[in-house]
């Protein structure tokens, strides 16, 4: 009985604060309503060295534009990759400065990092992003209110595979992602690991499988701002 009660509490808390499908605290879109075969590919936790380079090569080869929700500490390690993302007309969005869950529980800390990241991106690429995705999709009313005051648009999405971040095989990631790819959806992949890098070569291979499969089905790929009909930058 205690186990069941605990599980229910965990599920309720996850639904309220982290599920992409729950919009109780305000708009946090994971899709648009459409019958048109369009999806938005998004990548969190980068840029990340060679893996992001390979991913950009794949996207360029297939003429696909994507949205990258970047981490400040990773930008500082690989500034040229941020420049390449912007130069190749992918959209840059805000993720976090250091990607630490504990920062959510220090009053004002996470939004302080967001402001630092906005300035960092603007200094590197000359544009101030308007799109924001919080790590782990965590949100609560005060945070969303502060984001709106900064003229940021919070964006969620559907995870490509629950075990992608733990190194599932490219084939498994791609298979699940293809199932998730409904018209108008935003798909979440990771080209890095939180704020510390990590091997994402399996994700890169999965993305190529996904793109090839969906293009054969008649899908087109757009950036999140195009999908939501908003400006990517202020």
C-alpha atoms as a PDB file:
ATOM      1  CA  UNK A   1       0.000   0.000   0.000  1.00  0.00           C
ATOM      2  CA  UNK A   2       2.801   2.416   0.894  1.00  0.00           C
ATOM      3  CA  UNK A   3       4.588   1.569  -2.363  1.00  0.00           C
ATOM      4  CA  UNK A   4       1.447   2.226  -4.428  1.00  0.00           C
ATOM      5  CA  UNK A   5       0.802   5.518  -2.631  1.00  0.00           C
ATOM      6  CA  UNK A   6       4.411   6.612  -3.152  1.00  0.00           C
ATOM      7  CA  UNK A   7       4.247   5.663  -6.829  1.00  0.00           C
ATOM      8  CA  UNK A   8       1.059   7.654  -7.312  1.00  0.00           C
ATOM      9  CA  UNK A   9       2.600  10.700  -5.627  1.00  0.00           C
ATOM     10  CA  UNK A  10       5.676  10.438  -7.877  1.00  0.00           C
ATOM     11  CA  UNK A  11       3.523  10.148 -10.996  1.00  0.00           C
ATOM     12  CA  UNK A  12       1.416  13.146 -10.001  1.00  0.00           C
ATOM     13  CA  UNK A  13       4.501  15.261  -9.280  1.00  0.00           C
ATOM     14  CA  UNK A  14       6.087  14.195 -12.567  1.00  0.00           C
ATOM     15  CA  UNK A  15       2.909  15.060 -14.426  1.00  0.00           C
ATOM     16  CA  UNK A  16       2.681  18.493 -12.843  1.00  0.00           C
ATOM     17  CA  UNK A  17       6.301  19.573 -13.114  1.00  0.00           C
ATOM     18  CA  UNK A  18       7.972  17.549 -15.888  1.00  0.00           C
ATOM     19  CA  UNK A  19       5.536  15.862 -18.280  1.00  0.00           C
ATOM     20  CA  UNK A  20       5.433  17.482 -21.730  1.00  0.00           C
ATOM     21  CA  UNK A  21       1.729  16.714 -22.041  1.00  0.00           C
ATOM     22  CA  UNK A  22       0.555  18.616 -18.953  1.00  0.00           C
ATOM     23  CA  UNK A  23      -0.029  22.346 -19.488  1.00  0.00           C
ATOM     24  CA  UNK A  24      -1.492  23.168 -16.058  1.00  0.00           C
ATOM     25  CA  UNK A  25       1.035  25.921 -15.241  1.00  0.00           C
ATOM     26  CA  UNK A  26       0.837  27.606 -18.635  1.00  0.00           C
ATOM     27  CA  UNK A  27       1.651  27.044 -22.261  1.00  0.00           C
ATOM     28  CA  UNK A  28       4.659  24.750 -22.763  1.00  0.00           C
ATOM     29  CA  UNK A  29       4.068  23.393 -26.285  1.00  0.00           C
ATOM     30  CA  UNK A  30       5.194  19.964 -27.429  1.00  0.00           C
ATOM     31  CA  UNK A  31       3.241  20.019 -30.703  1.00  0.00           C
ATOM     32  CA  UNK A  32       0.853  21.952 -32.894  1.00  0.00           C
ATOM     33  CA  UNK A  33      -2.455  20.684 -34.196  1.00  0.00           C
ATOM     34  CA  UNK A  34      -1.998  19.924 -37.875  1.00  0.00           C
ATOM     35  CA  UNK A  35      -2.431  17.157 -40.403  1.00  0.00           C
ATOM     36  CA  UNK A  36       0.589  18.355 -42.376  1.00  0.00           C
ATOM     37  CA  UNK A  37       3.536  15.975 -42.194  1.00  0.00           C
ATOM     38  CA  UNK A  38       5.979  18.266 -40.426  1.00  0.00           C
ATOM     39  CA  UNK A  39       8.109  17.654 -37.340  1.00  0.00           C
ATOM     40  CA  UNK A  40      10.732  19.672 -35.491  1.00  0.00           C
ATOM     41  CA  UNK A  41      13.999  18.021 -34.476  1.00  0.00           C
ATOM     42  CA  UNK A  42      15.543  19.487 -31.335  1.00  0.00           C
ATOM     43  CA  UNK A  43      18.803  18.771 -29.528  1.00  0.00           C
ATOM     44  CA  UNK A  44      19.582  19.460 -25.868  1.00  0.00           C
ATOM     45  CA  UNK A  45      22.724  19.625 -23.726  1.00  0.00           C
ATOM     46  CA  UNK A  46      25.267  20.663 -26.367  1.00  0.00           C
ATOM     47  CA  UNK A  47      27.276  21.720 -28.165  1.00  0.00           C
ATOM     48  CA  UNK A  48      29.450  18.679 -27.625  1.00  0.00           C
ATOM     49  CA  UNK A  49      32.646  18.379 -29.639  1.00  0.00           C
ATOM     50  CA  UNK A  50      32.849  15.738 -32.334  1.00  0.00           C
ATOM     51  CA  UNK A  51      29.298  14.445 -31.784  1.00  0.00           C
ATOM     52  CA  UNK A  52      27.733  17.822 -32.545  1.00  0.00           C
ATOM     53  CA  UNK A  53      30.046  18.177 -35.552  1.00  0.00           C
ATOM     54  CA  UNK A  54      28.900  14.800 -36.896  1.00  0.00           C
ATOM     55  CA  UNK A  55      25.283  15.687 -36.211  1.00  0.00           C
ATOM     56  CA  UNK A  56      25.615  18.961 -38.120  1.00  0.00           C
ATOM     57  CA  UNK A  57      27.169  17.025 -40.989  1.00  0.00           C
ATOM     58  CA  UNK A  58      24.163  14.671 -41.053  1.00  0.00           C
ATOM     59  CA  UNK A  59      21.693  17.555 -41.015  1.00  0.00           C
ATOM     60  CA  UNK A  60      23.571  19.338 -43.785  1.00  0.00           C
ATOM     61  CA  UNK A  61      23.734  16.187 -45.913  1.00  0.00           C
ATOM     62  CA  UNK A  62      19.953  15.793 -45.716  1.00  0.00           C
ATOM     63  CA  UNK A  63      19.177  19.524 -45.923  1.00  0.00           C
ATOM     64  CA  UNK A  64      17.428  19.512 -42.533  1.00  0.00           C
ATOM     65  CA  UNK A  65      17.253  22.443 -40.135  1.00  0.00           C
ATOM     66  CA  UNK A  66      16.955  21.798 -36.397  1.00  0.00           C
ATOM     67  CA  UNK A  67      16.751  23.636 -33.085  1.00  0.00           C
ATOM     68  CA  UNK A  68      19.570  23.425 -30.539  1.00  0.00           C
ATOM     69  CA  UNK A  69      18.865  24.203 -26.879  1.00  0.00           C
ATOM     70  CA  UNK A  70      22.384  24.910 -25.688  1.00  0.00           C
ATOM     71  CA  UNK A  71      24.250  24.846 -22.365  1.00  0.00           C
ATOM     72  CA  UNK A  72      26.512  27.748 -21.432  1.00  0.00           C
ATOM     73  CA  UNK A  73      29.364  25.644 -20.036  1.00  0.00           C
ATOM     74  CA  UNK A  74      29.441  23.693 -23.310  1.00  0.00           C
ATOM     75  CA  UNK A  75      29.505  26.891 -25.364  1.00  0.00           C
ATOM     76  CA  UNK A  76      32.555  27.981 -23.401  1.00  0.00           C
ATOM     77  CA  UNK A  77      34.303  24.710 -24.295  1.00  0.00           C
ATOM     78  CA  UNK A  78      33.265  24.632 -27.965  1.00  0.00           C
ATOM     79  CA  UNK A  79      32.449  28.203 -29.068  1.00  0.00           C
ATOM     80  CA  UNK A  80      33.110  27.440 -32.734  1.00  0.00           C
ATOM     81  CA  UNK A  81      30.333  24.860 -32.734  1.00  0.00           C
ATOM     82  CA  UNK A  82      27.790  27.438 -31.588  1.00  0.00           C
ATOM     83  CA  UNK A  83      28.954  29.664 -34.424  1.00  0.00           C
ATOM     84  CA  UNK A  84      28.533  26.818 -36.904  1.00  0.00           C
ATOM     85  CA  UNK A  85      25.022  26.041 -35.631  1.00  0.00           C
ATOM     86  CA  UNK A  86      24.007  29.663 -36.174  1.00  0.00           C
ATOM     87  CA  UNK A  87      25.862  30.055 -39.491  1.00  0.00           C
ATOM     88  CA  UNK A  88      24.153  26.978 -40.951  1.00  0.00           C
ATOM     89  CA  UNK A  89      20.760  28.512 -40.081  1.00  0.00           C
ATOM     90  CA  UNK A  90      19.741  26.188 -37.312  1.00  0.00           C
ATOM     91  CA  UNK A  91      17.869  27.857 -34.478  1.00  0.00           C
ATOM     92  CA  UNK A  92      19.641  28.450 -31.157  1.00  0.00           C
ATOM     93  CA  UNK A  93      17.566  28.233 -27.979  1.00  0.00           C
ATOM     94  CA  UNK A  94      18.302  28.558 -24.264  1.00  0.00           C
ATOM     95  CA  UNK A  95      18.701  25.458 -22.062  1.00  0.00           C
ATOM     96  CA  UNK A  96      20.764  26.379 -18.990  1.00  0.00           C
ATOM     97  CA  UNK A  97      24.188  27.625 -17.988  1.00  0.00           C
ATOM     98  CA  UNK A  98      25.394  24.599 -15.999  1.00  0.00           C
ATOM     99  CA  UNK A  99      22.550  22.044 -16.215  1.00  0.00           C
ATOM    100  CA  UNK A 100      22.249  21.297 -12.507  1.00  0.00           C
ATOM    101  CA  UNK A 101      18.957  20.118 -11.045  1.00  0.00           C
ATOM    102  CA  UNK A 102      19.738  21.619  -7.653  1.00  0.00           C
ATOM    103  CA  UNK A 103      19.657  25.116  -9.149  1.00  0.00           C
ATOM    104  CA  UNK A 104      15.877  24.848  -9.359  1.00  0.00           C
ATOM    105  CA  UNK A 105      15.688  24.813  -5.563  1.00  0.00           C
ATOM    106  CA  UNK A 106      17.815  27.919  -4.926  1.00  0.00           C
ATOM    107  CA  UNK A 107      15.454  30.905  -5.277  1.00  0.00           C
ATOM    108  CA  UNK A 108      16.246  32.852  -8.438  1.00  0.00           C
ATOM    109  CA  UNK A 109      19.291  30.760  -9.359  1.00  0.00           C
ATOM    110  CA  UNK A 110      17.988  29.128 -12.515  1.00  0.00           C
ATOM    111  CA  UNK A 111      16.657  32.341 -14.030  1.00  0.00           C
ATOM    112  CA  UNK A 112      19.926  34.043 -13.106  1.00  0.00           C
ATOM    113  CA  UNK A 113      21.665  31.410 -15.232  1.00  0.00           C
ATOM    114  CA  UNK A 114      19.198  31.970 -18.056  1.00  0.00           C
ATOM    115  CA  UNK A 115      20.077  35.661 -18.124  1.00  0.00           C
ATOM    116  CA  UNK A 116      23.801  34.800 -18.207  1.00  0.00           C
ATOM    117  CA  UNK A 117      23.221  32.383 -21.064  1.00  0.00           C
ATOM    118  CA  UNK A 118      21.207  34.906 -23.056  1.00  0.00           C
ATOM    119  CA  UNK A 119      24.077  37.385 -22.806  1.00  0.00           C
ATOM    120  CA  UNK A 120      26.635  34.705 -23.708  1.00  0.00           C
ATOM    121  CA  UNK A 121      24.749  33.612 -26.827  1.00  0.00           C
ATOM    122  CA  UNK A 122      24.124  37.180 -27.905  1.00  0.00           C
ATOM    123  CA  UNK A 123      27.808  37.975 -27.504  1.00  0.00           C
ATOM    124  CA  UNK A 124      28.863  34.917 -29.537  1.00  0.00           C
ATOM    125  CA  UNK A 125      26.370  35.013 -32.416  1.00  0.00           C
ATOM    126  CA  UNK A 126      24.921  38.519 -32.256  1.00  0.00           C
ATOM    127  CA  UNK A 127      21.324  37.406 -31.623  1.00  0.00           C
ATOM    128  CA  UNK A 128      19.245  37.013 -28.472  1.00  0.00           C
ATOM    129  CA  UNK A 129      17.193  33.773 -28.456  1.00  0.00           C
ATOM    130  CA  UNK A 130      13.499  33.760 -27.736  1.00  0.00           C
ATOM    131  CA  UNK A 131      13.028  29.987 -27.298  1.00  0.00           C
ATOM    132  CA  UNK A 132      13.769  28.288 -23.978  1.00  0.00           C
ATOM    133  CA  UNK A 133      13.651  24.665 -22.835  1.00  0.00           C
ATOM    134  CA  UNK A 134      14.372  23.860 -19.214  1.00  0.00           C
ATOM    135  CA  UNK A 135      16.485  20.799 -18.336  1.00  0.00           C
ATOM    136  CA  UNK A 136      14.348  17.717 -17.634  1.00  0.00           C
ATOM    137  CA  UNK A 137      11.378  19.872 -18.783  1.00  0.00           C
ATOM    138  CA  UNK A 138      11.035  21.088 -15.189  1.00  0.00           C
ATOM    139  CA  UNK A 139       8.769  24.084 -14.732  1.00  0.00           C
ATOM    140  CA  UNK A 140       6.603  25.767 -12.147  1.00  0.00           C
ATOM    141  CA  UNK A 141       4.463  28.916 -12.260  1.00  0.00           C
ATOM    142  CA  UNK A 142       7.016  31.429 -10.959  1.00  0.00           C
ATOM    143  CA  UNK A 143       9.651  30.245 -13.416  1.00  0.00           C
ATOM    144  CA  UNK A 144       7.299  30.485 -16.394  1.00  0.00           C
ATOM    145  CA  UNK A 145       6.214  33.948 -15.256  1.00  0.00           C
ATOM    146  CA  UNK A 146       9.840  35.109 -15.055  1.00  0.00           C
ATOM    147  CA  UNK A 147      10.565  33.635 -18.474  1.00  0.00           C
ATOM    148  CA  UNK A 148       7.681  35.583 -19.996  1.00  0.00           C
ATOM    149  CA  UNK A 149       9.022  38.770 -18.412  1.00  0.00           C
ATOM    150  CA  UNK A 150      12.282  38.108 -20.280  1.00  0.00           C
ATOM    151  CA  UNK A 151      10.217  37.638 -23.466  1.00  0.00           C
ATOM    152  CA  UNK A 152      11.169  33.966 -23.616  1.00  0.00           C
ATOM    153  CA  UNK A 153       8.878  31.285 -25.017  1.00  0.00           C
ATOM    154  CA  UNK A 154       9.167  27.984 -23.091  1.00  0.00           C
ATOM    155  CA  UNK A 155       9.092  24.934 -25.368  1.00  0.00           C
ATOM    156  CA  UNK A 156       8.895  21.266 -24.440  1.00  0.00           C
ATOM    157  CA  UNK A 157       8.682  18.255 -26.753  1.00  0.00           C
ATOM    158  CA  UNK A 158       8.449  14.471 -26.798  1.00  0.00           C
ATOM    159  CA  UNK A 159      11.545  12.444 -25.942  1.00  0.00           C
ATOM    160  CA  UNK A 160      12.772  10.326 -28.833  1.00  0.00           C
ATOM    161  CA  UNK A 161      13.420   7.303 -26.585  1.00  0.00           C
ATOM    162  CA  UNK A 162      13.367   6.977 -22.784  1.00  0.00           C
ATOM    163  CA  UNK A 163      16.793   5.291 -22.823  1.00  0.00           C
ATOM    164  CA  UNK A 164      18.500   7.503 -25.404  1.00  0.00           C
ATOM    165  CA  UNK A 165      20.537   9.324 -22.762  1.00  0.00           C
ATOM    166  CA  UNK A 166      21.707   5.969 -21.359  1.00  0.00           C
ATOM    167  CA  UNK A 167      23.114   4.765 -24.672  1.00  0.00           C
ATOM    168  CA  UNK A 168      20.349   2.723 -26.310  1.00  0.00           C
ATOM    169  CA  UNK A 169      21.323   1.386 -29.740  1.00  0.00           C
ATOM    170  CA  UNK A 170      20.822   3.663 -32.761  1.00  0.00           C
ATOM    171  CA  UNK A 171      18.223   1.262 -34.145  1.00  0.00           C
ATOM    172  CA  UNK A 172      16.164   1.270 -30.937  1.00  0.00           C
ATOM    173  CA  UNK A 173      16.345   5.052 -30.627  1.00  0.00           C
ATOM    174  CA  UNK A 174      15.321   5.497 -34.256  1.00  0.00           C
ATOM    175  CA  UNK A 175      12.461   2.979 -34.054  1.00  0.00           C
ATOM    176  CA  UNK A 176      10.912   4.686 -31.050  1.00  0.00           C
ATOM    177  CA  UNK A 177      11.494   8.158 -32.481  1.00  0.00           C
ATOM    178  CA  UNK A 178       9.730   7.164 -35.713  1.00  0.00           C
ATOM    179  CA  UNK A 179       6.723   6.049 -33.635  1.00  0.00           C
ATOM    180  CA  UNK A 180       6.753   9.398 -31.821  1.00  0.00           C
ATOM    181  CA  UNK A 181       6.924  11.405 -35.046  1.00  0.00           C
ATOM    182  CA  UNK A 182       3.324  12.503 -35.483  1.00  0.00           C
ATOM    183  CA  UNK A 183       2.382  15.545 -37.618  1.00  0.00           C
ATOM    184  CA  UNK A 184       3.244  18.766 -35.786  1.00  0.00           C
ATOM    185  CA  UNK A 185       5.341  17.212 -33.022  1.00  0.00           C
ATOM    186  CA  UNK A 186       8.571  18.443 -31.464  1.00  0.00           C
ATOM    187  CA  UNK A 187      11.068  15.616 -30.934  1.00  0.00           C
ATOM    188  CA  UNK A 188      13.773  15.811 -28.259  1.00  0.00           C
ATOM    189  CA  UNK A 189      17.241  14.316 -28.789  1.00  0.00           C
ATOM    190  CA  UNK A 190      20.525  15.017 -26.982  1.00  0.00           C
ATOM    191  CA  UNK A 191      23.813  15.914 -28.646  1.00  0.00           C
ATOM    192  CA  UNK A 192      25.489  16.260 -25.233  1.00  0.00           C
ATOM    193  CA  UNK A 193      25.078  15.042 -21.674  1.00  0.00           C
ATOM    194  CA  UNK A 194      23.906  17.693 -19.244  1.00  0.00           C
ATOM    195  CA  UNK A 195      26.791  20.182 -18.958  1.00  0.00           C
ATOM    196  CA  UNK A 196      29.704  17.761 -19.203  1.00  0.00           C
ATOM    197  CA  UNK A 197      29.756  16.318 -22.719  1.00  0.00           C
ATOM    198  CA  UNK A 198      29.504  12.571 -23.224  1.00  0.00           C
ATOM    199  CA  UNK A 199      29.299  10.120 -26.115  1.00  0.00           C
ATOM    200  CA  UNK A 200      26.287  10.831 -28.316  1.00  0.00           C
ATOM    201  CA  UNK A 201      27.483   9.019 -31.464  1.00  0.00           C
ATOM    202  CA  UNK A 202      24.560   6.555 -31.187  1.00  0.00           C
ATOM    203  CA  UNK A 203      22.108   9.430 -31.227  1.00  0.00           C
ATOM    204  CA  UNK A 204      23.793  10.839 -34.328  1.00  0.00           C
ATOM    205  CA  UNK A 205      23.371   7.530 -36.152  1.00  0.00           C
ATOM    206  CA  UNK A 206      19.776   7.255 -34.967  1.00  0.00           C
ATOM    207  CA  UNK A 207      18.982  10.724 -36.286  1.00  0.00           C
ATOM    208  CA  UNK A 208      20.185   9.784 -39.758  1.00  0.00           C
ATOM    209  CA  UNK A 209      18.015   6.641 -39.721  1.00  0.00           C
ATOM    210  CA  UNK A 210      15.049   8.731 -38.567  1.00  0.00           C
ATOM    211  CA  UNK A 211      15.508  11.429 -41.197  1.00  0.00           C
ATOM    212  CA  UNK A 212      15.817   8.913 -44.024  1.00  0.00           C
ATOM    213  CA  UNK A 213      12.726   7.008 -42.882  1.00  0.00           C
ATOM    214  CA  UNK A 214      10.515  10.049 -42.336  1.00  0.00           C
ATOM    215  CA  UNK A 215      11.525  11.692 -45.604  1.00  0.00           C
ATOM    216  CA  UNK A 216      10.465   8.519 -47.411  1.00  0.00           C
ATOM    217  CA  UNK A 217       7.087   8.874 -45.656  1.00  0.00           C
ATOM    218  CA  UNK A 218       6.746  12.428 -46.961  1.00  0.00           C
ATOM    219  CA  UNK A 219       7.667  14.286 -43.776  1.00  0.00           C
ATOM    220  CA  UNK A 220       9.378  17.666 -43.780  1.00  0.00           C
ATOM    221  CA  UNK A 221      11.568  19.009 -40.992  1.00  0.00           C
ATOM    222  CA  UNK A 222      11.243  22.535 -39.620  1.00  0.00           C
ATOM    223  CA  UNK A 223      12.737  24.480 -36.742  1.00  0.00           C
ATOM    224  CA  UNK A 224      10.611  25.030 -33.640  1.00  0.00           C
ATOM    225  CA  UNK A 225      10.065  28.706 -34.415  1.00  0.00           C
ATOM    226  CA  UNK A 226       8.736  27.821 -37.876  1.00  0.00           C
ATOM    227  CA  UNK A 227       6.490  25.142 -36.378  1.00  0.00           C
ATOM    228  CA  UNK A 228       5.050  27.573 -33.798  1.00  0.00           C
ATOM    229  CA  UNK A 229       5.031  30.567 -36.185  1.00  0.00           C
ATOM    230  CA  UNK A 230       7.136  32.740 -33.874  1.00  0.00           C
ATOM    231  CA  UNK A 231      10.390  34.624 -34.221  1.00  0.00           C
ATOM    232  CA  UNK A 232      13.441  32.643 -33.033  1.00  0.00           C
ATOM    233  CA  UNK A 233      15.266  35.760 -31.848  1.00  0.00           C
ATOM    234  CA  UNK A 234      14.390  39.095 -30.296  1.00  0.00           C
END
